[in-house]
Amino acid sequence: IATSWRSPALFIHADDDRNVRFSQTVDLLQRLRAQKVELEEITIVDDTHHFMRYENQKRVNAAIAGYLEKKLKPVM
């Protein structure tokens, strides 16, 4: 899948995720960077797959909203 990836992407992953290995995201990011795919990444330290800490969930929500505004809002 990484070889055909072209769209920009935002990756948000907690480093204590027990559902998806953090190393899988690191690997995918390296592959996409090698292909010059436009991407941003945020690592949530000491939290799980579901962002159990309220402050982390707020940070994730704000990051997603900001990313979508930046990528989808028309340039004036």
PDB file of N, CA and C in Angstrom:
ATOM      1  N   ILE A   1       0.819  -1.199   0.000  1.00  0.00           N
ATOM      2  CA  ILE A   1       0.000   0.000   0.000  1.00  0.00           C
ATOM      3  C   ILE A   1       0.862   1.262   0.000  1.00  0.00           C
ATOM      4  N   ALA A   2       1.990   1.237   0.663  1.00  0.00           N
ATOM      5  CA  ALA A   2       2.820   2.439   0.755  1.00  0.00           C
ATOM      6  C   ALA A   2       3.331   2.890  -0.611  1.00  0.00           C
ATOM      7  N   THR A   3       3.517   1.972  -1.530  1.00  0.00           N
ATOM      8  CA  THR A   3       4.069   2.364  -2.831  1.00  0.00           C
ATOM      9  C   THR A   3       3.083   3.151  -3.679  1.00  0.00           C
ATOM     10  N   SER A   4       1.802   3.028  -3.424  1.00  0.00           N
ATOM     11  CA  SER A   4       0.813   3.763  -4.214  1.00  0.00           C
ATOM     12  C   SER A   4       0.256   4.977  -3.471  1.00  0.00           C
ATOM     13  N   TRP A   5       0.711   5.230  -2.268  1.00  0.00           N
ATOM     14  CA  TRP A   5       0.194   6.323  -1.456  1.00  0.00           C
ATOM     15  C   TRP A   5       0.648   7.651  -2.037  1.00  0.00           C
ATOM     16  N   ARG A   6      -0.290   8.585  -2.273  1.00  0.00           N
ATOM     17  CA  ARG A   6       0.047   9.893  -2.830  1.00  0.00           C
ATOM     18  C   ARG A   6      -0.512  11.060  -2.020  1.00  0.00           C
ATOM     19  N   SER A   7      -1.607  10.849  -1.310  1.00  0.00           N
ATOM     20  CA  SER A   7      -2.271  11.957  -0.627  1.00  0.00           C
ATOM     21  C   SER A   7      -1.538  12.342   0.660  1.00  0.00           C
ATOM     22  N   PRO A   8      -1.624  13.617   1.032  1.00  0.00           N
ATOM     23  CA  PRO A   8      -1.026  14.030   2.302  1.00  0.00           C
ATOM     24  C   PRO A   8      -1.745  13.341   3.463  1.00  0.00           C
ATOM     25  N   ALA A   9      -1.051  13.222   4.571  1.00  0.00           N
ATOM     26  CA  ALA A   9      -1.636  12.493   5.698  1.00  0.00           C
ATOM     27  C   ALA A   9      -1.133  13.037   7.022  1.00  0.00           C
ATOM     28  N   LEU A  10      -1.973  12.904   8.029  1.00  0.00           N
ATOM     29  CA  LEU A  10      -1.627  13.219   9.405  1.00  0.00           C
ATOM     30  C   LEU A  10      -1.657  11.915  10.188  1.00  0.00           C
ATOM     31  N   PHE A  11      -0.568  11.595  10.840  1.00  0.00           N
ATOM     32  CA  PHE A  11      -0.476  10.394  11.671  1.00  0.00           C
ATOM     33  C   PHE A  11      -0.408  10.819  13.127  1.00  0.00           C
ATOM     34  N   ILE A  12      -1.289  10.265  13.931  1.00  0.00           N
ATOM     35  CA  ILE A  12      -1.276  10.510  15.370  1.00  0.00           C
ATOM     36  C   ILE A  12      -1.272   9.142  16.041  1.00  0.00           C
ATOM     37  N   HIS A  13      -0.254   8.913  16.851  1.00  0.00           N
ATOM     38  CA  HIS A  13      -0.116   7.584  17.453  1.00  0.00           C
ATOM     39  C   HIS A  13       0.419   7.738  18.868  1.00  0.00           C
ATOM     40  N   ALA A  14      -0.192   7.038  19.800  1.00  0.00           N
ATOM     41  CA  ALA A  14       0.298   7.008  21.177  1.00  0.00           C
ATOM     42  C   ALA A  14       1.378   5.935  21.301  1.00  0.00           C
ATOM     43  N   ASP A  15       2.414   6.259  22.032  1.00  0.00           N
ATOM     44  CA  ASP A  15       3.547   5.325  22.100  1.00  0.00           C
ATOM     45  C   ASP A  15       3.308   4.142  23.038  1.00  0.00           C
ATOM     46  N   ASP A  16       2.188   4.141  23.765  1.00  0.00           N
ATOM     47  CA  ASP A  16       1.850   2.995  24.615  1.00  0.00           C
ATOM     48  C   ASP A  16       0.615   2.276  24.062  1.00  0.00           C
ATOM     49  N   ASP A  17       0.434   2.361  22.752  1.00  0.00           N
ATOM     50  CA  ASP A  17      -0.696   1.734  22.070  1.00  0.00           C
ATOM     51  C   ASP A  17      -0.531   0.227  22.125  1.00  0.00           C
ATOM     52  N   ARG A  18      -1.565  -0.459  22.586  1.00  0.00           N
ATOM     53  CA  ARG A  18      -1.509  -1.920  22.665  1.00  0.00           C
ATOM     54  C   ARG A  18      -2.377  -2.578  21.600  1.00  0.00           C
ATOM     55  N   ASN A  19      -2.999  -1.740  20.748  1.00  0.00           N
ATOM     56  CA  ASN A  19      -3.800  -2.260  19.645  1.00  0.00           C
ATOM     57  C   ASN A  19      -3.000  -2.286  18.342  1.00  0.00           C
ATOM     58  N   VAL A  20      -2.209  -1.257  18.125  1.00  0.00           N
ATOM     59  CA  VAL A  20      -1.373  -1.141  16.924  1.00  0.00           C
ATOM     60  C   VAL A  20       0.041  -0.835  17.402  1.00  0.00           C
ATOM     61  N   ARG A  21       0.980  -1.668  16.995  1.00  0.00           N
ATOM     62  CA  ARG A  21       2.368  -1.458  17.429  1.00  0.00           C
ATOM     63  C   ARG A  21       2.885  -0.111  16.926  1.00  0.00           C
ATOM     64  N   PHE A  22       3.482   0.648  17.821  1.00  0.00           N
ATOM     65  CA  PHE A  22       4.047   1.949  17.473  1.00  0.00           C
ATOM     66  C   PHE A  22       5.094   1.800  16.365  1.00  0.00           C
ATOM     67  N   SER A  23       5.822   0.713  16.381  1.00  0.00           N
ATOM     68  CA  SER A  23       6.856   0.478  15.368  1.00  0.00           C
ATOM     69  C   SER A  23       6.257   0.374  13.966  1.00  0.00           C
ATOM     70  N   GLN A  24       5.005  -0.043  13.854  1.00  0.00           N
ATOM     71  CA  GLN A  24       4.362  -0.116  12.536  1.00  0.00           C
ATOM     72  C   GLN A  24       4.171   1.282  11.953  1.00  0.00           C
ATOM     73  N   THR A  25       3.801   2.226  12.796  1.00  0.00           N
ATOM     74  CA  THR A  25       3.653   3.601  12.325  1.00  0.00           C
ATOM     75  C   THR A  25       5.007   4.178  11.949  1.00  0.00           C
ATOM     76  N   VAL A  26       6.017   3.921  12.756  1.00  0.00           N
ATOM     77  CA  VAL A  26       7.370   4.400  12.440  1.00  0.00           C
ATOM     78  C   VAL A  26       7.812   3.855  11.087  1.00  0.00           C
ATOM     79  N   ASP A  27       7.585   2.584  10.853  1.00  0.00           N
ATOM     80  CA  ASP A  27       7.960   1.954   9.583  1.00  0.00           C
ATOM     81  C   ASP A  27       7.213   2.595   8.410  1.00  0.00           C
ATOM     82  N   LEU A  28       5.904   2.764   8.566  1.00  0.00           N
ATOM     83  CA  LEU A  28       5.107   3.358   7.491  1.00  0.00           C
ATOM     84  C   LEU A  28       5.559   4.784   7.206  1.00  0.00           C
ATOM     85  N   LEU A  29       5.826   5.563   8.240  1.00  0.00           N
ATOM     86  CA  LEU A  29       6.291   6.934   8.045  1.00  0.00           C
ATOM     87  C   LEU A  29       7.610   6.956   7.271  1.00  0.00           C
ATOM     88  N   GLN A  30       8.510   6.071   7.606  1.00  0.00           N
ATOM     89  CA  GLN A  30       9.794   6.006   6.886  1.00  0.00           C
ATOM     90  C   GLN A  30       9.584   5.676   5.418  1.00  0.00           C
ATOM     91  N   ARG A  31       8.699   4.750   5.134  1.00  0.00           N
ATOM     92  CA  ARG A  31       8.418   4.371   3.743  1.00  0.00           C
ATOM     93  C   ARG A  31       7.789   5.530   2.966  1.00  0.00           C
ATOM     94  N   LEU A  32       6.851   6.215   3.602  1.00  0.00           N
ATOM     95  CA  LEU A  32       6.188   7.335   2.929  1.00  0.00           C
ATOM     96  C   LEU A  32       7.141   8.499   2.715  1.00  0.00           C
ATOM     97  N   ARG A  33       7.992   8.771   3.692  1.00  0.00           N
ATOM     98  CA  ARG A  33       8.990   9.842   3.517  1.00  0.00           C
ATOM     99  C   ARG A  33       9.934   9.523   2.361  1.00  0.00           C
ATOM    100  N   ALA A  34      10.300   8.274   2.224  1.00  0.00           N
ATOM    101  CA  ALA A  34      11.179   7.868   1.126  1.00  0.00           C
ATOM    102  C   ALA A  34      10.525   8.134  -0.231  1.00  0.00           C
ATOM    103  N   GLN A  35       9.201   8.115  -0.268  1.00  0.00           N
ATOM    104  CA  GLN A  35       8.454   8.382  -1.498  1.00  0.00           C
ATOM    105  C   GLN A  35       8.071   9.845  -1.634  1.00  0.00           C
ATOM    106  N   LYS A  36       8.531  10.672  -0.692  1.00  0.00           N
ATOM    107  CA  LYS A  36       8.249  12.109  -0.708  1.00  0.00           C
ATOM    108  C   LYS A  36       6.770  12.427  -0.515  1.00  0.00           C
ATOM    109  N   VAL A  37       6.059  11.587   0.228  1.00  0.00           N
ATOM    110  CA  VAL A  37       4.657  11.854   0.549  1.00  0.00           C
ATOM    111  C   VAL A  37       4.620  12.956   1.611  1.00  0.00           C
ATOM    112  N   GLU A  38       3.732  13.913   1.413  1.00  0.00           N
ATOM    113  CA  GLU A  38       3.573  15.006   2.359  1.00  0.00           C
ATOM    114  C   GLU A  38       2.850  14.469   3.598  1.00  0.00           C
ATOM    115  N   LEU A  39       3.500  14.572   4.755  1.00  0.00           N
ATOM    116  CA  LEU A  39       2.870  14.061   5.961  1.00  0.00           C
ATOM    117  C   LEU A  39       3.281  14.840   7.183  1.00  0.00           C
ATOM    118  N   GLU A  40       2.449  14.728   8.178  1.00  0.00           N
ATOM    119  CA  GLU A  40       2.721  15.279   9.499  1.00  0.00           C
ATOM    120  C   GLU A  40       2.494  14.163  10.501  1.00  0.00           C
ATOM    121  N   GLU A  41       3.217  14.246  11.605  1.00  0.00           N
ATOM    122  CA  GLU A  41       3.057  13.212  12.626  1.00  0.00           C
ATOM    123  C   GLU A  41       3.049  13.830  14.012  1.00  0.00           C
ATOM    124  N   ILE A  42       2.278  13.220  14.876  1.00  0.00           N
ATOM    125  CA  ILE A  42       2.234  13.602  16.283  1.00  0.00           C
ATOM    126  C   ILE A  42       2.322  12.320  17.091  1.00  0.00           C
ATOM    127  N   THR A  43       3.244  12.306  18.031  1.00  0.00           N
ATOM    128  CA  THR A  43       3.355  11.186  18.953  1.00  0.00           C
ATOM    129  C   THR A  43       2.785  11.622  20.295  1.00  0.00           C
ATOM    130  N   ILE A  44       1.850  10.853  20.790  1.00  0.00           N
ATOM    131  CA  ILE A  44       1.282  11.101  22.108  1.00  0.00           C
ATOM    132  C   ILE A  44       2.042  10.197  23.088  1.00  0.00           C
ATOM    133  N   VAL A  45       2.773  10.822  23.985  1.00  0.00           N
ATOM    134  CA  VAL A  45       3.655  10.091  24.897  1.00  0.00           C
ATOM    135  C   VAL A  45       2.862   9.572  26.103  1.00  0.00           C
ATOM    136  N   ASP A  46       3.158   8.343  26.465  1.00  0.00           N
ATOM    137  CA  ASP A  46       2.589   7.705  27.662  1.00  0.00           C
ATOM    138  C   ASP A  46       1.064   7.650  27.650  1.00  0.00           C
ATOM    139  N   ASP A  47       0.490   7.305  26.519  1.00  0.00           N
ATOM    140  CA  ASP A  47      -0.952   7.117  26.456  1.00  0.00           C
ATOM    141  C   ASP A  47      -1.235   5.932  25.544  1.00  0.00           C
ATOM    142  N   THR A  48      -2.501   5.535  25.490  1.00  0.00           N
ATOM    143  CA  THR A  48      -2.894   4.327  24.782  1.00  0.00           C
ATOM    144  C   THR A  48      -3.587   4.647  23.462  1.00  0.00           C
ATOM    145  N   HIS A  49      -4.069   3.618  22.825  1.00  0.00           N
ATOM    146  CA  HIS A  49      -4.739   3.715  21.531  1.00  0.00           C
ATOM    147  C   HIS A  49      -5.930   4.670  21.564  1.00  0.00           C
ATOM    148  N   HIS A  50      -6.582   4.761  22.700  1.00  0.00           N
ATOM    149  CA  HIS A  50      -7.817   5.543  22.808  1.00  0.00           C
ATOM    150  C   HIS A  50      -7.612   6.895  23.473  1.00  0.00           C
ATOM    151  N   PHE A  51      -6.372   7.308  23.650  1.00  0.00           N
ATOM    152  CA  PHE A  51      -6.053   8.606  24.254  1.00  0.00           C
ATOM    153  C   PHE A  51      -6.877   8.797  25.532  1.00  0.00           C
ATOM    154  N   MET A  52      -6.519   8.052  26.543  1.00  0.00           N
ATOM    155  CA  MET A  52      -7.285   8.016  27.780  1.00  0.00           C
ATOM    156  C   MET A  52      -7.187   9.311  28.588  1.00  0.00           C
ATOM    157  N   ARG A  53      -6.085  10.008  28.455  1.00  0.00           N
ATOM    158  CA  ARG A  53      -5.950  11.271  29.187  1.00  0.00           C
ATOM    159  C   ARG A  53      -6.720  12.369  28.457  1.00  0.00           C
ATOM    160  N   TYR A  54      -7.539  13.089  29.185  1.00  0.00           N
ATOM    161  CA  TYR A  54      -8.378  14.140  28.614  1.00  0.00           C
ATOM    162  C   TYR A  54      -7.552  15.181  27.866  1.00  0.00           C
ATOM    163  N   GLU A  55      -6.441  15.599  28.446  1.00  0.00           N
ATOM    164  CA  GLU A  55      -5.589  16.605  27.795  1.00  0.00           C
ATOM    165  C   GLU A  55      -5.058  16.098  26.456  1.00  0.00           C
ATOM    166  N   ASN A  56      -4.740  14.821  26.382  1.00  0.00           N
ATOM    167  CA  ASN A  56      -4.267  14.258  25.113  1.00  0.00           C
ATOM    168  C   ASN A  56      -5.385  14.224  24.080  1.00  0.00           C
ATOM    169  N   GLN A  57      -6.599  13.884  24.508  1.00  0.00           N
ATOM    170  CA  GLN A  57      -7.720  13.868  23.565  1.00  0.00           C
ATOM    171  C   GLN A  57      -8.000  15.260  23.032  1.00  0.00           C
ATOM    172  N   LYS A  58      -7.917  16.262  23.893  1.00  0.00           N
ATOM    173  CA  LYS A  58      -8.094  17.641  23.431  1.00  0.00           C
ATOM    174  C   LYS A  58      -7.005  18.012  22.418  1.00  0.00           C
ATOM    175  N   ARG A  59      -5.774  17.618  22.698  1.00  0.00           N
ATOM    176  CA  ARG A  59      -4.663  17.908  21.783  1.00  0.00           C
ATOM    177  C   ARG A  59      -4.876  17.231  20.431  1.00  0.00           C
ATOM    178  N   VAL A  60      -5.307  15.985  20.459  1.00  0.00           N
ATOM    179  CA  VAL A  60      -5.560  15.236  19.229  1.00  0.00           C
ATOM    180  C   VAL A  60      -6.688  15.890  18.428  1.00  0.00           C
ATOM    181  N   ASN A  61      -7.776  16.223  19.091  1.00  0.00           N
ATOM    182  CA  ASN A  61      -8.899  16.856  18.402  1.00  0.00           C
ATOM    183  C   ASN A  61      -8.484  18.174  17.763  1.00  0.00           C
ATOM    184  N   ALA A  62      -7.732  18.992  18.490  1.00  0.00           N
ATOM    185  CA  ALA A  62      -7.276  20.274  17.955  1.00  0.00           C
ATOM    186  C   ALA A  62      -6.334  20.064  16.770  1.00  0.00           C
ATOM    187  N   ALA A  63      -5.469  19.072  16.863  1.00  0.00           N
ATOM    188  CA  ALA A  63      -4.534  18.795  15.772  1.00  0.00           C
ATOM    189  C   ALA A  63      -5.271  18.357  14.509  1.00  0.00           C
ATOM    190  N   ILE A  64      -6.270  17.513  14.666  1.00  0.00           N
ATOM    191  CA  ILE A  64      -7.050  17.054  13.510  1.00  0.00           C
ATOM    192  C   ILE A  64      -7.796  18.225  12.880  1.00  0.00           C
ATOM    193  N   ALA A  65      -8.458  19.035  13.705  1.00  0.00           N
ATOM    194  CA  ALA A  65      -9.195  20.189  13.181  1.00  0.00           C
ATOM    195  C   ALA A  65      -8.251  21.152  12.460  1.00  0.00           C
ATOM    196  N   GLY A  66      -7.105  21.419  13.062  1.00  0.00           N
ATOM    197  CA  GLY A  66      -6.132  22.314  12.434  1.00  0.00           C
ATOM    198  C   GLY A  66      -5.612  21.773  11.119  1.00  0.00           C
ATOM    199  N   TYR A  67      -5.342  20.493  11.088  1.00  0.00           N
ATOM    200  CA  TYR A  67      -4.839  19.862   9.861  1.00  0.00           C
ATOM    201  C   TYR A  67      -5.881  19.944   8.748  1.00  0.00           C
ATOM    202  N   LEU A  68      -7.118  19.611   9.066  1.00  0.00           N
ATOM    203  CA  LEU A  68      -8.175  19.651   8.054  1.00  0.00           C
ATOM    204  C   LEU A  68      -8.426  21.073   7.565  1.00  0.00           C
ATOM    205  N   GLU A  69      -8.401  22.037   8.468  1.00  0.00           N
ATOM    206  CA  GLU A  69      -8.553  23.429   8.044  1.00  0.00           C
ATOM    207  C   GLU A  69      -7.428  23.833   7.096  1.00  0.00           C
ATOM    208  N   LYS A  70      -6.217  23.460   7.447  1.00  0.00           N
ATOM    209  CA  LYS A  70      -5.064  23.819   6.627  1.00  0.00           C
ATOM    210  C   LYS A  70      -5.124  23.161   5.251  1.00  0.00           C
ATOM    211  N   LYS A  71      -5.541  21.924   5.195  1.00  0.00           N
ATOM    212  CA  LYS A  71      -5.539  21.171   3.935  1.00  0.00           C
ATOM    213  C   LYS A  71      -6.784  21.397   3.080  1.00  0.00           C
ATOM    214  N   LEU A  72      -7.911  21.694   3.716  1.00  0.00           N
ATOM    215  CA  LEU A  72      -9.164  21.755   2.965  1.00  0.00           C
ATOM    216  C   LEU A  72      -9.716  23.165   2.765  1.00  0.00           C
ATOM    217  N   LYS A  73      -9.256  24.105   3.570  1.00  0.00           N
ATOM    218  CA  LYS A  73      -9.765  25.464   3.448  1.00  0.00           C
ATOM    219  C   LYS A  73      -9.203  26.125   2.198  1.00  0.00           C
ATOM    220  N   PRO A  74     -10.048  26.751   1.414  1.00  0.00           N
ATOM    221  CA  PRO A  74      -9.537  27.408   0.208  1.00  0.00           C
ATOM    222  C   PRO A  74      -8.613  28.579   0.550  1.00  0.00           C
ATOM    223  N   VAL A  75      -7.624  28.780  -0.271  1.00  0.00           N
ATOM    224  CA  VAL A  75      -6.697  29.899  -0.097  1.00  0.00           C
ATOM    225  C   VAL A  75      -7.368  31.153  -0.637  1.00  0.00           C
ATOM    226  N   MET A  76      -7.367  32.204   0.145  1.00  0.00           N
ATOM    227  CA  MET A  76      -8.012  33.464  -0.275  1.00  0.00           C
ATOM    228  C   MET A  76      -7.047  34.309  -1.074  1.00  0.00           C
TER     229      MET A  76
END
